[in-house]
Every structure is written in C-alpha cells, then in structure tokens.
Amino acid sequence: MSVTTTTHLNFRGAAREALDFYRSVFGGRTTAVTYGQAGNVHDENEADWVMWGEVVGDSGFHVMAYDVPAQLPWDQGRNPFFVSVRGEDTEEISALWQKLSQGSTVVRPLEAAPWAPLYGMLTDRFGITWVLDFTAPYHG
C-alpha cells in the first residue's frame, strides 16, 4: 500500500490566483472547479471562487487549494504550517526560490545552513510560508 500527502491551502477569494502563481513557479497543470460550476453557490459574489483546485507537476509537486466561503469561519492565522520543498539539485532549488520569492518576505535567505548545504524560508505574497532546501543525508 502507498500513501501520499498533499498540502491543502485555504484562502478567501485568492485560491485561483495562488494556484496560477504556484503553477508558474513549479510548472504542471492547474485544475480548478468553481462553486458556480459545481452548482454550490451560497453567495453570488463567490460563484467564481475555487471550490476545489490543485496544481500537479511532472516533478512530483502537488498542492491543493480552495476558497473558504464567507458562511464558514476562516482565519489564516500565523504560521499554522509550512510547505516544504526538497530537491536533489541546487540549481533547481535556486531557480524555484528565485520565482517563489517574487513579492515575498524572506524569513531566512537561501544559503548554506548547519543542517543542509542549501536552505531558505520565505512567506509568499499569499501569506504561505515555504521552506526550500537541498536534500542531504543527516549525519547527526
């Protein structure tokens, strides 16, 4: 049996923009179903919001997102989770960092760290905190 996990991001009206941005960074395909398309509209202003969406990349990248409707409580909170992206190629990680960092706040620059040859953390323009690092064996 095989199990995978996928980060599911919750927004209030910005899910499509976020999914499109993540696709531009990581590549792949975006699928998005709106509340209107699903016939599940409770507020006409939210008909075009994403009820279910994802980006799936050929590299294995996968993230899901939706817009929490106004009828439900939602608080983005502070640091409720990080999305971790690990790679085996420093050039690939550096390129992803360059794209993802546009409009972001860098928490820790992408550079060597005591636990990894390349590590960085940023909070993107959607308030999502990302950790990017180069996969290295642990010798602790």
C-alpha atoms as a PDB file:
ATOM      1  CA  MET A   1       0.000   0.000   0.000  1.00  0.00           C
ATOM      2  CA  SER A   2       1.206   3.500  -0.835  1.00  0.00           C
ATOM      3  CA  VAL A   3       0.263   6.715   0.943  1.00  0.00           C
ATOM      4  CA  THR A   4       0.977  10.268  -0.149  1.00  0.00           C
ATOM      5  CA  THR A   5       0.284  13.608   1.469  1.00  0.00           C
ATOM      6  CA  THR A   6      -0.679  16.815  -0.276  1.00  0.00           C
ATOM      7  CA  THR A   7      -0.652  20.269   1.225  1.00  0.00           C
ATOM      8  CA  HIS A   8      -4.137  21.787   1.060  1.00  0.00           C
ATOM      9  CA  LEU A   9      -4.194  25.589   1.259  1.00  0.00           C
ATOM     10  CA  ASN A  10      -7.272  27.538   2.315  1.00  0.00           C
ATOM     11  CA  PHE A  11      -7.940  31.056   1.065  1.00  0.00           C
ATOM     12  CA  ARG A  12     -10.765  33.528   0.986  1.00  0.00           C
ATOM     13  CA  GLY A  13     -11.083  34.601  -2.651  1.00  0.00           C
ATOM     14  CA  ALA A  14      -7.420  34.197  -3.700  1.00  0.00           C
ATOM     15  CA  ALA A  15      -7.185  30.447  -4.424  1.00  0.00           C
ATOM     16  CA  ARG A  16      -7.194  30.741  -8.237  1.00  0.00           C
ATOM     17  CA  GLU A  17      -4.520  33.449  -8.199  1.00  0.00           C
ATOM     18  CA  ALA A  18      -2.408  31.399  -5.786  1.00  0.00           C
ATOM     19  CA  LEU A  19      -2.757  28.203  -7.842  1.00  0.00           C
ATOM     20  CA  ASP A  20      -1.802  30.061 -11.026  1.00  0.00           C
ATOM     21  CA  PHE A  21       1.221  31.536  -9.283  1.00  0.00           C
ATOM     22  CA  TYR A  22       2.383  28.170  -7.937  1.00  0.00           C
ATOM     23  CA  ARG A  23       1.971  26.644 -11.418  1.00  0.00           C
ATOM     24  CA  SER A  24       4.169  29.457 -12.821  1.00  0.00           C
ATOM     25  CA  VAL A  25       6.838  28.574 -10.247  1.00  0.00           C
ATOM     26  CA  PHE A  26       6.722  24.763 -10.257  1.00  0.00           C
ATOM     27  CA  GLY A  27       5.162  24.023 -13.652  1.00  0.00           C
ATOM     28  CA  GLY A  28       2.472  21.424 -14.191  1.00  0.00           C
ATOM     29  CA  ARG A  29      -1.267  21.561 -14.666  1.00  0.00           C
ATOM     30  CA  THR A  30      -3.884  23.525 -12.786  1.00  0.00           C
ATOM     31  CA  THR A  31      -7.364  22.154 -12.270  1.00  0.00           C
ATOM     32  CA  ALA A  32      -9.981  24.337 -10.625  1.00  0.00           C
ATOM     33  CA  VAL A  33     -13.715  23.901 -10.129  1.00  0.00           C
ATOM     34  CA  THR A  34     -15.681  26.932  -9.010  1.00  0.00           C
ATOM     35  CA  TYR A  35     -18.680  26.965  -6.715  1.00  0.00           C
ATOM     36  CA  GLY A  36     -20.722  28.060  -9.729  1.00  0.00           C
ATOM     37  CA  GLN A  37     -19.528  25.156 -11.878  1.00  0.00           C
ATOM     38  CA  ALA A  38     -20.379  22.740  -9.074  1.00  0.00           C
ATOM     39  CA  GLY A  39     -23.828  24.255  -8.523  1.00  0.00           C
ATOM     40  CA  ASN A  40     -22.930  25.041  -4.928  1.00  0.00           C
ATOM     41  CA  VAL A  41     -23.355  28.832  -4.792  1.00  0.00           C
ATOM     42  CA  HIS A  42     -24.478  30.294  -1.478  1.00  0.00           C
ATOM     43  CA  ASP A  43     -23.371  33.856  -2.294  1.00  0.00           C
ATOM     44  CA  GLU A  44     -23.386  35.135  -5.892  1.00  0.00           C
ATOM     45  CA  ASN A  45     -20.228  37.149  -5.149  1.00  0.00           C
ATOM     46  CA  GLU A  46     -18.419  33.836  -4.576  1.00  0.00           C
ATOM     47  CA  ALA A  47     -19.665  31.934  -7.661  1.00  0.00           C
ATOM     48  CA  ASP A  48     -16.258  32.196  -9.354  1.00  0.00           C
ATOM     49  CA  TRP A  49     -14.309  31.224  -6.239  1.00  0.00           C
ATOM     50  CA  VAL A  50     -12.493  27.891  -6.259  1.00  0.00           C
ATOM     51  CA  MET A  51     -14.374  25.085  -4.529  1.00  0.00           C
ATOM     52  CA  TRP A  52     -11.684  22.540  -5.400  1.00  0.00           C
ATOM     53  CA  GLY A  53      -8.352  23.166  -7.081  1.00  0.00           C
ATOM     54  CA  GLU A  54      -4.883  21.748  -7.463  1.00  0.00           C
ATOM     55  CA  VAL A  55      -1.570  22.070  -9.248  1.00  0.00           C
ATOM     56  CA  VAL A  56       0.153  18.826 -10.220  1.00  0.00           C
ATOM     57  CA  GLY A  57       3.632  18.978 -11.703  1.00  0.00           C
ATOM     58  CA  ASP A  58       5.625  16.363 -13.584  1.00  0.00           C
ATOM     59  CA  SER A  59       8.347  16.756 -10.934  1.00  0.00           C
ATOM     60  CA  GLY A  60       6.027  15.372  -8.244  1.00  0.00           C
ATOM     61  CA  PHE A  61       4.941  18.787  -6.939  1.00  0.00           C
ATOM     62  CA  HIS A  62       1.313  18.733  -5.798  1.00  0.00           C
ATOM     63  CA  VAL A  63      -0.650  21.349  -3.892  1.00  0.00           C
ATOM     64  CA  MET A  64      -4.391  21.752  -3.419  1.00  0.00           C
ATOM     65  CA  ALA A  65      -6.359  24.901  -2.590  1.00  0.00           C
ATOM     66  CA  TYR A  66      -9.858  26.252  -2.202  1.00  0.00           C
ATOM     67  CA  ASP A  67     -11.678  29.415  -1.185  1.00  0.00           C
ATOM     68  CA  VAL A  68     -13.439  29.134   2.156  1.00  0.00           C
ATOM     69  CA  PRO A  69     -16.938  30.602   1.622  1.00  0.00           C
ATOM     70  CA  ALA A  70     -17.977  33.551   3.788  1.00  0.00           C
ATOM     71  CA  GLN A  71     -20.595  31.412   5.548  1.00  0.00           C
ATOM     72  CA  LEU A  72     -17.776  29.388   7.161  1.00  0.00           C
ATOM     73  CA  PRO A  73     -15.260  30.685   9.700  1.00  0.00           C
ATOM     74  CA  TRP A  74     -11.743  31.235   8.413  1.00  0.00           C
ATOM     75  CA  ASP A  75      -8.632  32.729   9.924  1.00  0.00           C
ATOM     76  CA  GLN A  76      -5.363  32.366   8.085  1.00  0.00           C
ATOM     77  CA  GLY A  77      -3.579  32.535  11.419  1.00  0.00           C
ATOM     78  CA  ARG A  78       0.102  32.890  11.939  1.00  0.00           C
ATOM     79  CA  ASN A  79       2.434  30.106  10.805  1.00  0.00           C
ATOM     80  CA  PRO A  80      -0.153  27.312  11.040  1.00  0.00           C
ATOM     81  CA  PHE A  81       2.010  25.256   8.641  1.00  0.00           C
ATOM     82  CA  PHE A  82       4.983  25.437   6.280  1.00  0.00           C
ATOM     83  CA  VAL A  83       5.162  23.957   2.810  1.00  0.00           C
ATOM     84  CA  SER A  84       8.485  22.159   2.439  1.00  0.00           C
ATOM     85  CA  VAL A  85      10.066  21.667  -0.990  1.00  0.00           C
ATOM     86  CA  ARG A  86      13.136  19.419  -1.036  1.00  0.00           C
ATOM     87  CA  GLY A  87      15.236  18.752  -4.083  1.00  0.00           C
ATOM     88  CA  GLU A  88      18.366  16.943  -5.148  1.00  0.00           C
ATOM     89  CA  ASP A  89      19.639  19.665  -7.484  1.00  0.00           C
ATOM     90  CA  THR A  90      20.864  23.009  -6.138  1.00  0.00           C
ATOM     91  CA  GLU A  91      20.229  24.738  -9.468  1.00  0.00           C
ATOM     92  CA  GLU A  92      16.607  23.568  -9.458  1.00  0.00           C
ATOM     93  CA  ILE A  93      16.057  24.684  -5.841  1.00  0.00           C
ATOM     94  CA  SER A  94      17.709  28.045  -6.579  1.00  0.00           C
ATOM     95  CA  ALA A  95      15.504  28.576  -9.647  1.00  0.00           C
ATOM     96  CA  LEU A  96      12.347  27.735  -7.676  1.00  0.00           C
ATOM     97  CA  TRP A  97      13.459  30.105  -4.914  1.00  0.00           C
ATOM     98  CA  GLN A  98      14.014  32.912  -7.422  1.00  0.00           C
ATOM     99  CA  LYS A  99      10.473  32.566  -8.798  1.00  0.00           C
ATOM    100  CA  LEU A 100       8.739  31.961  -5.474  1.00  0.00           C
ATOM    101  CA  SER A 101      10.462  34.897  -3.807  1.00  0.00           C
ATOM    102  CA  GLN A 102       8.800  37.450  -6.105  1.00  0.00           C
ATOM    103  CA  GLY A 103       6.654  39.633  -3.848  1.00  0.00           C
ATOM    104  CA  SER A 104       7.585  37.584  -0.781  1.00  0.00           C
ATOM    105  CA  THR A 105       9.122  38.306   2.598  1.00  0.00           C
ATOM    106  CA  VAL A 106      12.345  36.370   3.085  1.00  0.00           C
ATOM    107  CA  VAL A 107      12.441  34.826   6.552  1.00  0.00           C
ATOM    108  CA  ARG A 108      15.841  33.188   6.011  1.00  0.00           C
ATOM    109  CA  PRO A 109      17.860  33.663   2.810  1.00  0.00           C
ATOM    110  CA  LEU A 110      18.577  30.662   0.620  1.00  0.00           C
ATOM    111  CA  GLU A 111      22.098  29.710   1.685  1.00  0.00           C
ATOM    112  CA  ALA A 112      24.130  27.041   3.446  1.00  0.00           C
ATOM    113  CA  ALA A 113      22.890  26.063   6.908  1.00  0.00           C
ATOM    114  CA  PRO A 114      24.416  23.793   9.562  1.00  0.00           C
ATOM    115  CA  TRP A 115      21.900  21.060   8.651  1.00  0.00           C
ATOM    116  CA  ALA A 116      21.745  21.462   4.865  1.00  0.00           C
ATOM    117  CA  PRO A 117      24.021  22.660   2.048  1.00  0.00           C
ATOM    118  CA  LEU A 118      21.193  24.943   0.874  1.00  0.00           C
ATOM    119  CA  TYR A 119      18.222  26.104   2.948  1.00  0.00           C
ATOM    120  CA  GLY A 120      15.843  29.080   2.867  1.00  0.00           C
ATOM    121  CA  MET A 121      12.465  30.164   4.174  1.00  0.00           C
ATOM    122  CA  LEU A 122      10.076  32.796   2.837  1.00  0.00           C
ATOM    123  CA  THR A 123       6.486  33.877   3.203  1.00  0.00           C
ATOM    124  CA  ASP A 124       4.909  34.436  -0.200  1.00  0.00           C
ATOM    125  CA  ARG A 125       2.502  37.196  -1.173  1.00  0.00           C
ATOM    126  CA  PHE A 126      -0.425  34.949  -0.194  1.00  0.00           C
ATOM    127  CA  GLY A 127       0.816  34.531   3.382  1.00  0.00           C
ATOM    128  CA  ILE A 128       2.069  30.954   2.857  1.00  0.00           C
ATOM    129  CA  THR A 129       5.463  30.123   4.389  1.00  0.00           C
ATOM    130  CA  TRP A 130       7.699  27.951   2.227  1.00  0.00           C
ATOM    131  CA  VAL A 131      10.893  26.118   3.168  1.00  0.00           C
ATOM    132  CA  LEU A 132      13.168  25.154   0.282  1.00  0.00           C
ATOM    133  CA  ASP A 133      16.247  23.018   0.767  1.00  0.00           C
ATOM    134  CA  PHE A 134      18.714  20.738  -0.895  1.00  0.00           C
ATOM    135  CA  THR A 135      18.307  17.129   0.209  1.00  0.00           C
ATOM    136  CA  ALA A 136      21.352  15.969   2.111  1.00  0.00           C
ATOM    137  CA  PRO A 137      21.938  12.937   4.295  1.00  0.00           C
ATOM    138  CA  TYR A 138      21.820  13.620   8.010  1.00  0.00           C
ATOM    139  CA  HIS A 139      24.975  12.689   9.896  1.00  0.00           C
ATOM    140  CA  GLY A 140      23.976  13.836  13.386  1.00  0.00           C
END
